[in-house]
Amino acid sequence: MEVIDSPDETWNDGTSYQPPESKLCANNCGFFGTADSMNLCSKCYRDFRIKEEHAASAKAAMAESLNTSQQTCNPPESKASNRCSSCNKKVGFTGFRCMCGSTFCGTHRHPENHDCTYDFMVAGRDAIAKANPLVKSDKVERF
């Protein structure tokens, strides 16, 4: 049998289990973290994962909204820009260009007065989403 003279020496014959060294949480919350959770305690690691998931879902939502806005913003090619697309009236320089890409006279310039293919609601939603990104903060702890 082997005798250990000092506490610094370790006895390892292949049958003893040596626990991993404990490290404090990287957020300095006072609890112990593990290498599996990036040296974070379980609570801090859970909060970190939730923030990552929110960021990923926000990024996916923005990408999806950008894809839908690109699909609706592609105007068709207009044939003649000096005539109204509805009544074929000559408009010259006073013609109104619609968001759908066509030129119209004063009577047909509003989207309700011609068969407009542009989706104003989706464009408005996308503009608001770009101007106002989702900001979510942590809960405030009460003392």
N, C-alpha and C. Protein backbone atom coordinates (compact mmCIF):
# COMPACT_ATOMS: atom_id res chain seq x y z
N MET A 1 0.83 -1.17 0.00
CA MET A 1 0.00 0.00 0.00
C MET A 1 0.88 1.24 0.00
N GLU A 2 0.44 2.24 -0.76
CA GLU A 2 1.21 3.47 -0.93
C GLU A 2 0.73 4.50 0.09
N VAL A 3 1.65 5.22 0.67
CA VAL A 3 1.33 6.23 1.68
C VAL A 3 1.65 7.60 1.08
N ILE A 4 0.72 8.51 1.28
CA ILE A 4 0.92 9.87 0.78
C ILE A 4 1.47 10.71 1.92
N ASP A 5 2.61 11.35 1.67
CA ASP A 5 3.27 12.12 2.72
C ASP A 5 2.70 13.53 2.84
N SER A 6 2.36 14.16 1.72
CA SER A 6 1.87 15.55 1.79
C SER A 6 0.53 15.65 1.04
N PRO A 7 -0.26 16.65 1.36
CA PRO A 7 -1.56 16.79 0.69
C PRO A 7 -1.44 17.20 -0.77
N ASP A 8 -0.26 17.68 -1.21
CA ASP A 8 -0.09 18.07 -2.60
C ASP A 8 0.04 16.88 -3.53
N GLU A 9 0.47 15.76 -3.01
CA GLU A 9 0.62 14.58 -3.84
C GLU A 9 -0.74 13.92 -4.04
N THR A 10 -0.99 13.42 -5.23
CA THR A 10 -2.26 12.73 -5.49
C THR A 10 -1.98 11.26 -5.73
N TRP A 11 -2.89 10.47 -5.32
CA TRP A 11 -2.78 9.03 -5.47
C TRP A 11 -3.68 8.63 -6.62
N ASN A 12 -3.11 8.13 -7.71
CA ASN A 12 -3.90 7.80 -8.88
C ASN A 12 -3.45 6.42 -9.36
N ASP A 13 -4.22 5.42 -9.02
CA ASP A 13 -3.93 4.08 -9.50
C ASP A 13 -4.92 3.65 -10.56
N GLY A 14 -5.73 4.61 -11.08
CA GLY A 14 -6.69 4.31 -12.12
C GLY A 14 -8.07 4.03 -11.58
N THR A 15 -8.21 3.89 -10.26
CA THR A 15 -9.52 3.60 -9.69
C THR A 15 -10.12 4.79 -8.98
N SER A 16 -9.35 5.78 -8.68
CA SER A 16 -9.89 6.93 -7.95
C SER A 16 -10.39 7.98 -8.94
N TYR A 17 -11.42 8.71 -8.54
CA TYR A 17 -12.00 9.76 -9.37
C TYR A 17 -11.56 11.10 -8.82
N GLN A 18 -11.01 11.93 -9.70
CA GLN A 18 -10.61 13.26 -9.28
C GLN A 18 -11.62 14.26 -9.83
N PRO A 19 -12.32 15.00 -8.98
CA PRO A 19 -13.32 15.95 -9.46
C PRO A 19 -12.65 17.09 -10.20
N PRO A 20 -13.36 17.67 -11.17
CA PRO A 20 -12.78 18.80 -11.90
C PRO A 20 -12.64 20.02 -10.99
N GLU A 21 -11.71 20.89 -11.33
CA GLU A 21 -11.50 22.09 -10.53
C GLU A 21 -12.70 23.02 -10.70
N SER A 22 -13.15 23.60 -9.60
CA SER A 22 -14.29 24.51 -9.64
C SER A 22 -13.80 25.92 -9.92
N LYS A 23 -14.49 26.60 -10.83
CA LYS A 23 -14.18 27.97 -11.17
C LYS A 23 -15.43 28.81 -10.92
N LEU A 24 -15.22 30.03 -10.52
CA LEU A 24 -16.36 30.93 -10.32
C LEU A 24 -16.96 31.31 -11.67
N CYS A 25 -18.22 31.70 -11.65
CA CYS A 25 -18.94 32.10 -12.85
C CYS A 25 -18.23 33.28 -13.51
N ALA A 26 -18.21 33.31 -14.83
CA ALA A 26 -17.55 34.37 -15.57
C ALA A 26 -18.26 35.71 -15.39
N ASN A 27 -19.53 35.71 -14.98
CA ASN A 27 -20.28 36.95 -14.74
C ASN A 27 -20.10 37.47 -13.32
N ASN A 28 -19.28 36.78 -12.53
CA ASN A 28 -19.02 37.17 -11.14
C ASN A 28 -20.29 37.26 -10.32
N CYS A 29 -21.17 36.27 -10.49
CA CYS A 29 -22.41 36.26 -9.72
C CYS A 29 -22.22 35.53 -8.38
N GLY A 30 -21.10 34.87 -8.19
CA GLY A 30 -20.84 34.20 -6.93
C GLY A 30 -21.01 32.70 -6.98
N PHE A 31 -21.61 32.17 -8.01
CA PHE A 31 -21.80 30.73 -8.14
C PHE A 31 -20.67 30.14 -8.98
N PHE A 32 -20.62 28.82 -9.03
CA PHE A 32 -19.57 28.15 -9.77
C PHE A 32 -20.04 27.80 -11.18
N GLY A 33 -19.15 27.95 -12.14
CA GLY A 33 -19.46 27.64 -13.52
C GLY A 33 -18.70 26.41 -13.98
N THR A 34 -19.08 25.88 -15.12
CA THR A 34 -18.40 24.72 -15.69
C THR A 34 -17.87 25.07 -17.07
N ALA A 35 -16.92 24.28 -17.52
CA ALA A 35 -16.33 24.51 -18.84
C ALA A 35 -17.36 24.23 -19.94
N ASP A 36 -18.30 23.32 -19.69
CA ASP A 36 -19.34 23.01 -20.68
C ASP A 36 -20.24 24.21 -20.96
N SER A 37 -20.43 25.05 -19.96
CA SER A 37 -21.30 26.21 -20.12
C SER A 37 -20.51 27.51 -20.19
N MET A 38 -19.33 27.44 -20.78
CA MET A 38 -18.46 28.61 -21.00
C MET A 38 -18.13 29.32 -19.69
N ASN A 39 -17.86 28.54 -18.64
CA ASN A 39 -17.52 29.03 -17.30
C ASN A 39 -18.61 29.92 -16.70
N LEU A 40 -19.87 29.64 -17.07
CA LEU A 40 -21.01 30.35 -16.51
C LEU A 40 -21.78 29.41 -15.59
N CYS A 41 -22.46 29.98 -14.58
CA CYS A 41 -23.32 29.16 -13.75
C CYS A 41 -24.58 28.82 -14.55
N SER A 42 -25.43 27.98 -14.00
CA SER A 42 -26.59 27.52 -14.76
C SER A 42 -27.55 28.67 -15.07
N LYS A 43 -27.76 29.59 -14.15
CA LYS A 43 -28.67 30.70 -14.38
C LYS A 43 -28.12 31.65 -15.44
N CYS A 44 -26.85 32.02 -15.33
CA CYS A 44 -26.25 32.93 -16.31
C CYS A 44 -26.20 32.29 -17.70
N TYR A 45 -25.94 30.98 -17.75
CA TYR A 45 -25.89 30.28 -19.03
C TYR A 45 -27.27 30.25 -19.66
N ARG A 46 -28.32 30.01 -18.86
CA ARG A 46 -29.68 30.02 -19.38
C ARG A 46 -30.04 31.40 -19.93
N ASP A 47 -29.70 32.46 -19.19
CA ASP A 47 -29.97 33.82 -19.67
C ASP A 47 -29.22 34.11 -20.96
N PHE A 48 -27.98 33.64 -21.05
CA PHE A 48 -27.17 33.82 -22.26
C PHE A 48 -27.82 33.13 -23.46
N ARG A 49 -28.29 31.90 -23.26
CA ARG A 49 -28.94 31.15 -24.34
C ARG A 49 -30.25 31.82 -24.78
N ILE A 50 -31.02 32.37 -23.84
CA ILE A 50 -32.27 33.05 -24.16
C ILE A 50 -31.97 34.28 -25.01
N LYS A 51 -30.94 35.05 -24.64
CA LYS A 51 -30.57 36.23 -25.42
C LYS A 51 -30.14 35.84 -26.83
N GLU A 52 -29.40 34.74 -26.95
CA GLU A 52 -28.98 34.26 -28.28
C GLU A 52 -30.19 33.88 -29.12
N GLU A 53 -31.15 33.18 -28.52
CA GLU A 53 -32.35 32.76 -29.25
C GLU A 53 -33.17 33.96 -29.70
N HIS A 54 -33.31 34.98 -28.84
CA HIS A 54 -34.05 36.18 -29.22
C HIS A 54 -33.35 36.90 -30.37
N ALA A 55 -32.04 36.98 -30.30
CA ALA A 55 -31.29 37.65 -31.37
C ALA A 55 -31.43 36.89 -32.68
N ALA A 56 -31.37 35.56 -32.62
CA ALA A 56 -31.50 34.76 -33.83
C ALA A 56 -32.91 34.88 -34.42
N SER A 57 -33.93 34.88 -33.56
CA SER A 57 -35.30 35.00 -34.08
C SER A 57 -35.55 36.38 -34.67
N ALA A 58 -34.98 37.42 -34.06
CA ALA A 58 -35.12 38.77 -34.59
C ALA A 58 -34.42 38.90 -35.94
N LYS A 59 -33.25 38.27 -36.03
CA LYS A 59 -32.51 38.32 -37.30
C LYS A 59 -33.28 37.59 -38.40
N ALA A 60 -33.88 36.44 -38.05
CA ALA A 60 -34.65 35.68 -39.03
C ALA A 60 -35.90 36.45 -39.46
N ALA A 61 -36.55 37.13 -38.51
CA ALA A 61 -37.74 37.91 -38.84
C ALA A 61 -37.39 39.08 -39.75
N MET A 62 -36.27 39.73 -39.49
CA MET A 62 -35.85 40.84 -40.35
C MET A 62 -35.51 40.34 -41.75
N ALA A 63 -34.83 39.20 -41.84
CA ALA A 63 -34.48 38.64 -43.15
C ALA A 63 -35.74 38.26 -43.92
N GLU A 64 -36.72 37.71 -43.21
CA GLU A 64 -37.97 37.32 -43.87
C GLU A 64 -38.74 38.55 -44.35
N SER A 65 -38.76 39.60 -43.53
CA SER A 65 -39.47 40.81 -43.94
C SER A 65 -38.76 41.48 -45.12
N LEU A 66 -37.44 41.42 -45.15
CA LEU A 66 -36.71 41.99 -46.28
C LEU A 66 -36.99 41.20 -47.56
N ASN A 67 -37.10 39.88 -47.44
CA ASN A 67 -37.40 39.05 -48.61
C ASN A 67 -38.78 39.37 -49.17
N THR A 68 -39.78 39.57 -48.29
CA THR A 68 -41.13 39.87 -48.77
C THR A 68 -41.18 41.25 -49.37
N SER A 69 -40.41 42.19 -48.82
CA SER A 69 -40.44 43.55 -49.39
C SER A 69 -39.74 43.57 -50.75
N GLN A 70 -38.73 42.75 -50.96
CA GLN A 70 -38.07 42.70 -52.26
C GLN A 70 -38.98 42.09 -53.31
N GLN A 71 -39.84 41.17 -52.90
CA GLN A 71 -40.75 40.55 -53.86
C GLN A 71 -41.81 41.54 -54.31
N THR A 72 -42.28 42.40 -53.40
CA THR A 72 -43.34 43.34 -53.75
C THR A 72 -42.81 44.60 -54.41
N CYS A 73 -41.53 44.91 -54.23
CA CYS A 73 -40.98 46.16 -54.75
C CYS A 73 -40.46 46.05 -56.16
N ASN A 74 -40.51 44.90 -56.77
CA ASN A 74 -40.02 44.76 -58.14
C ASN A 74 -41.11 45.20 -59.10
N PRO A 75 -41.03 46.45 -59.61
CA PRO A 75 -42.07 46.92 -60.51
C PRO A 75 -41.89 46.31 -61.90
N PRO A 76 -43.01 46.07 -62.60
CA PRO A 76 -42.90 45.55 -63.96
C PRO A 76 -42.41 46.66 -64.89
N GLU A 77 -41.85 46.28 -66.00
CA GLU A 77 -41.35 47.24 -66.98
C GLU A 77 -42.53 47.97 -67.62
N SER A 78 -42.45 49.29 -67.65
CA SER A 78 -43.51 50.07 -68.29
C SER A 78 -43.13 50.32 -69.75
N LYS A 79 -44.12 50.33 -70.61
CA LYS A 79 -43.84 50.44 -72.04
C LYS A 79 -43.61 51.88 -72.47
N ALA A 80 -44.54 52.77 -72.21
CA ALA A 80 -44.38 54.16 -72.60
C ALA A 80 -44.65 55.04 -71.39
N SER A 81 -43.74 55.96 -71.10
CA SER A 81 -43.91 56.78 -69.92
C SER A 81 -44.62 58.09 -70.22
N ASN A 82 -44.99 58.34 -71.47
CA ASN A 82 -45.67 59.59 -71.80
C ASN A 82 -47.18 59.40 -71.98
N ARG A 83 -47.71 58.22 -71.68
CA ARG A 83 -49.15 57.95 -71.79
C ARG A 83 -49.65 57.29 -70.50
N CYS A 84 -50.90 57.55 -70.17
CA CYS A 84 -51.53 56.96 -68.99
C CYS A 84 -51.71 55.46 -69.23
N SER A 85 -51.38 54.66 -68.25
CA SER A 85 -51.49 53.21 -68.40
C SER A 85 -52.93 52.73 -68.35
N SER A 86 -53.85 53.53 -67.80
CA SER A 86 -55.26 53.12 -67.73
C SER A 86 -56.06 53.55 -68.96
N CYS A 87 -56.00 54.84 -69.28
CA CYS A 87 -56.85 55.35 -70.36
C CYS A 87 -56.07 55.68 -71.63
N ASN A 88 -54.78 55.50 -71.62
CA ASN A 88 -53.89 55.72 -72.78
C ASN A 88 -53.88 57.19 -73.21
N LYS A 89 -54.23 58.09 -72.31
CA LYS A 89 -54.23 59.52 -72.60
C LYS A 89 -52.79 60.03 -72.56
N LYS A 90 -52.45 60.95 -73.43
CA LYS A 90 -51.11 61.52 -73.47
C LYS A 90 -50.93 62.42 -72.25
N VAL A 91 -49.87 62.19 -71.46
CA VAL A 91 -49.66 62.98 -70.26
C VAL A 91 -48.41 63.85 -70.34
N GLY A 92 -47.46 63.53 -71.19
CA GLY A 92 -46.25 64.34 -71.33
C GLY A 92 -45.45 64.37 -70.04
N PHE A 93 -45.02 65.59 -69.64
CA PHE A 93 -44.22 65.73 -68.43
C PHE A 93 -45.06 65.77 -67.16
N THR A 94 -46.36 65.94 -67.28
CA THR A 94 -47.22 66.05 -66.10
C THR A 94 -47.75 64.71 -65.62
N GLY A 95 -47.26 63.61 -66.14
CA GLY A 95 -47.71 62.29 -65.71
C GLY A 95 -47.24 61.96 -64.30
N PHE A 96 -48.00 61.14 -63.61
CA PHE A 96 -47.69 60.74 -62.24
C PHE A 96 -47.17 59.31 -62.24
N ARG A 97 -45.97 59.09 -61.68
CA ARG A 97 -45.41 57.74 -61.56
C ARG A 97 -45.92 57.11 -60.27
N CYS A 98 -46.50 55.95 -60.38
CA CYS A 98 -47.00 55.22 -59.22
C CYS A 98 -45.90 54.31 -58.70
N MET A 99 -46.07 53.80 -57.49
CA MET A 99 -45.11 52.87 -56.91
C MET A 99 -45.09 51.53 -57.67
N CYS A 100 -46.13 51.25 -58.41
CA CYS A 100 -46.17 50.01 -59.19
C CYS A 100 -45.33 50.13 -60.47
N GLY A 101 -44.83 51.35 -60.78
CA GLY A 101 -43.94 51.53 -61.91
C GLY A 101 -44.61 52.09 -63.15
N SER A 102 -45.88 52.32 -63.13
CA SER A 102 -46.60 52.83 -64.30
C SER A 102 -46.81 54.33 -64.18
N THR A 103 -47.11 54.96 -65.30
CA THR A 103 -47.40 56.39 -65.36
C THR A 103 -48.89 56.59 -65.60
N PHE A 104 -49.47 57.56 -64.89
CA PHE A 104 -50.91 57.78 -64.98
C PHE A 104 -51.23 59.26 -65.12
N CYS A 105 -52.42 59.54 -65.64
CA CYS A 105 -52.90 60.92 -65.75
C CYS A 105 -53.44 61.36 -64.39
N GLY A 106 -53.90 62.60 -64.30
CA GLY A 106 -54.41 63.14 -63.05
C GLY A 106 -55.62 62.39 -62.53
N THR A 107 -56.44 61.85 -63.43
CA THR A 107 -57.65 61.12 -63.02
C THR A 107 -57.31 59.76 -62.41
N HIS A 108 -56.33 59.07 -62.96
CA HIS A 108 -55.99 57.70 -62.53
C HIS A 108 -54.74 57.63 -61.65
N ARG A 109 -54.29 58.75 -61.08
CA ARG A 109 -53.03 58.75 -60.33
C ARG A 109 -53.11 58.04 -58.99
N HIS A 110 -54.27 57.96 -58.39
CA HIS A 110 -54.42 57.29 -57.09
C HIS A 110 -54.52 55.78 -57.28
N PRO A 111 -53.99 55.00 -56.32
CA PRO A 111 -54.03 53.53 -56.45
C PRO A 111 -55.44 52.96 -56.54
N GLU A 112 -56.42 53.67 -55.96
CA GLU A 112 -57.80 53.18 -56.03
C GLU A 112 -58.38 53.33 -57.43
N ASN A 113 -57.82 54.24 -58.22
CA ASN A 113 -58.38 54.53 -59.54
C ASN A 113 -57.75 53.71 -60.66
N HIS A 114 -56.75 52.94 -60.36
CA HIS A 114 -56.17 52.04 -61.36
C HIS A 114 -55.85 50.71 -60.67
N ASP A 115 -55.60 49.68 -61.41
CA ASP A 115 -55.31 48.37 -60.84
C ASP A 115 -53.86 48.34 -60.37
N CYS A 116 -53.63 48.90 -59.19
CA CYS A 116 -52.27 48.99 -58.66
C CYS A 116 -51.85 47.64 -58.08
N THR A 117 -50.66 47.18 -58.43
CA THR A 117 -50.15 45.89 -57.96
C THR A 117 -49.21 46.05 -56.78
N TYR A 118 -48.90 47.28 -56.40
CA TYR A 118 -47.97 47.52 -55.30
C TYR A 118 -48.69 47.32 -53.98
N ASP A 119 -48.07 46.62 -53.04
CA ASP A 119 -48.66 46.35 -51.74
C ASP A 119 -48.16 47.39 -50.74
N PHE A 120 -48.95 48.41 -50.51
CA PHE A 120 -48.56 49.51 -49.64
C PHE A 120 -48.50 49.08 -48.17
N MET A 121 -49.34 48.14 -47.76
CA MET A 121 -49.36 47.70 -46.36
C MET A 121 -48.07 46.98 -45.99
N VAL A 122 -47.59 46.11 -46.85
CA VAL A 122 -46.34 45.40 -46.57
C VAL A 122 -45.17 46.37 -46.56
N ALA A 123 -45.17 47.31 -47.49
CA ALA A 123 -44.09 48.30 -47.54
C ALA A 123 -44.10 49.16 -46.28
N GLY A 124 -45.29 49.53 -45.80
CA GLY A 124 -45.40 50.31 -44.57
C GLY A 124 -44.93 49.54 -43.36
N ARG A 125 -45.31 48.26 -43.27
CA ARG A 125 -44.86 47.42 -42.17
C ARG A 125 -43.35 47.28 -42.16
N ASP A 126 -42.78 47.09 -43.34
CA ASP A 126 -41.32 46.94 -43.44
C ASP A 126 -40.61 48.22 -43.03
N ALA A 127 -41.14 49.37 -43.44
CA ALA A 127 -40.53 50.64 -43.07
C ALA A 127 -40.58 50.86 -41.57
N ILE A 128 -41.70 50.52 -40.94
CA ILE A 128 -41.83 50.66 -39.49
C ILE A 128 -40.90 49.69 -38.78
N ALA A 129 -40.79 48.45 -39.28
CA ALA A 129 -39.92 47.46 -38.65
C ALA A 129 -38.45 47.87 -38.75
N LYS A 130 -38.06 48.48 -39.85
CA LYS A 130 -36.68 48.94 -39.99
C LYS A 130 -36.41 50.13 -39.08
N ALA A 131 -37.37 51.03 -38.97
CA ALA A 131 -37.18 52.24 -38.17
C ALA A 131 -37.23 51.95 -36.67
N ASN A 132 -37.94 50.90 -36.26
CA ASN A 132 -38.12 50.59 -34.84
C ASN A 132 -37.70 49.15 -34.55
N PRO A 133 -36.40 48.88 -34.36
CA PRO A 133 -35.99 47.51 -34.07
C PRO A 133 -36.47 47.08 -32.69
N LEU A 134 -36.61 45.79 -32.49
CA LEU A 134 -37.09 45.23 -31.24
C LEU A 134 -36.03 45.38 -30.17
N VAL A 135 -36.38 46.06 -29.08
CA VAL A 135 -35.46 46.26 -27.97
C VAL A 135 -36.11 45.64 -26.75
N LYS A 136 -35.44 44.67 -26.16
CA LYS A 136 -36.00 44.00 -25.00
C LYS A 136 -34.94 43.98 -23.92
N SER A 137 -35.28 44.48 -22.76
CA SER A 137 -34.31 44.54 -21.68
C SER A 137 -34.62 43.48 -20.62
N ASP A 138 -33.67 43.27 -19.73
CA ASP A 138 -33.86 42.31 -18.66
C ASP A 138 -34.85 42.89 -17.65
N LYS A 139 -35.44 42.01 -16.86
CA LYS A 139 -36.34 42.46 -15.82
C LYS A 139 -35.55 43.16 -14.73
N VAL A 140 -36.17 44.14 -14.13
CA VAL A 140 -35.53 44.87 -13.03
C VAL A 140 -35.82 44.13 -11.74
N GLU A 141 -34.77 43.88 -10.99
CA GLU A 141 -34.93 43.20 -9.72
C GLU A 141 -35.35 44.21 -8.67
N ARG A 142 -36.34 43.87 -7.88
CA ARG A 142 -36.82 44.77 -6.80
C ARG A 142 -36.08 44.42 -5.51
N PHE A 143 -35.78 45.44 -4.76
CA PHE A 143 -35.04 45.23 -3.51
C PHE A 143 -35.97 45.05 -2.35
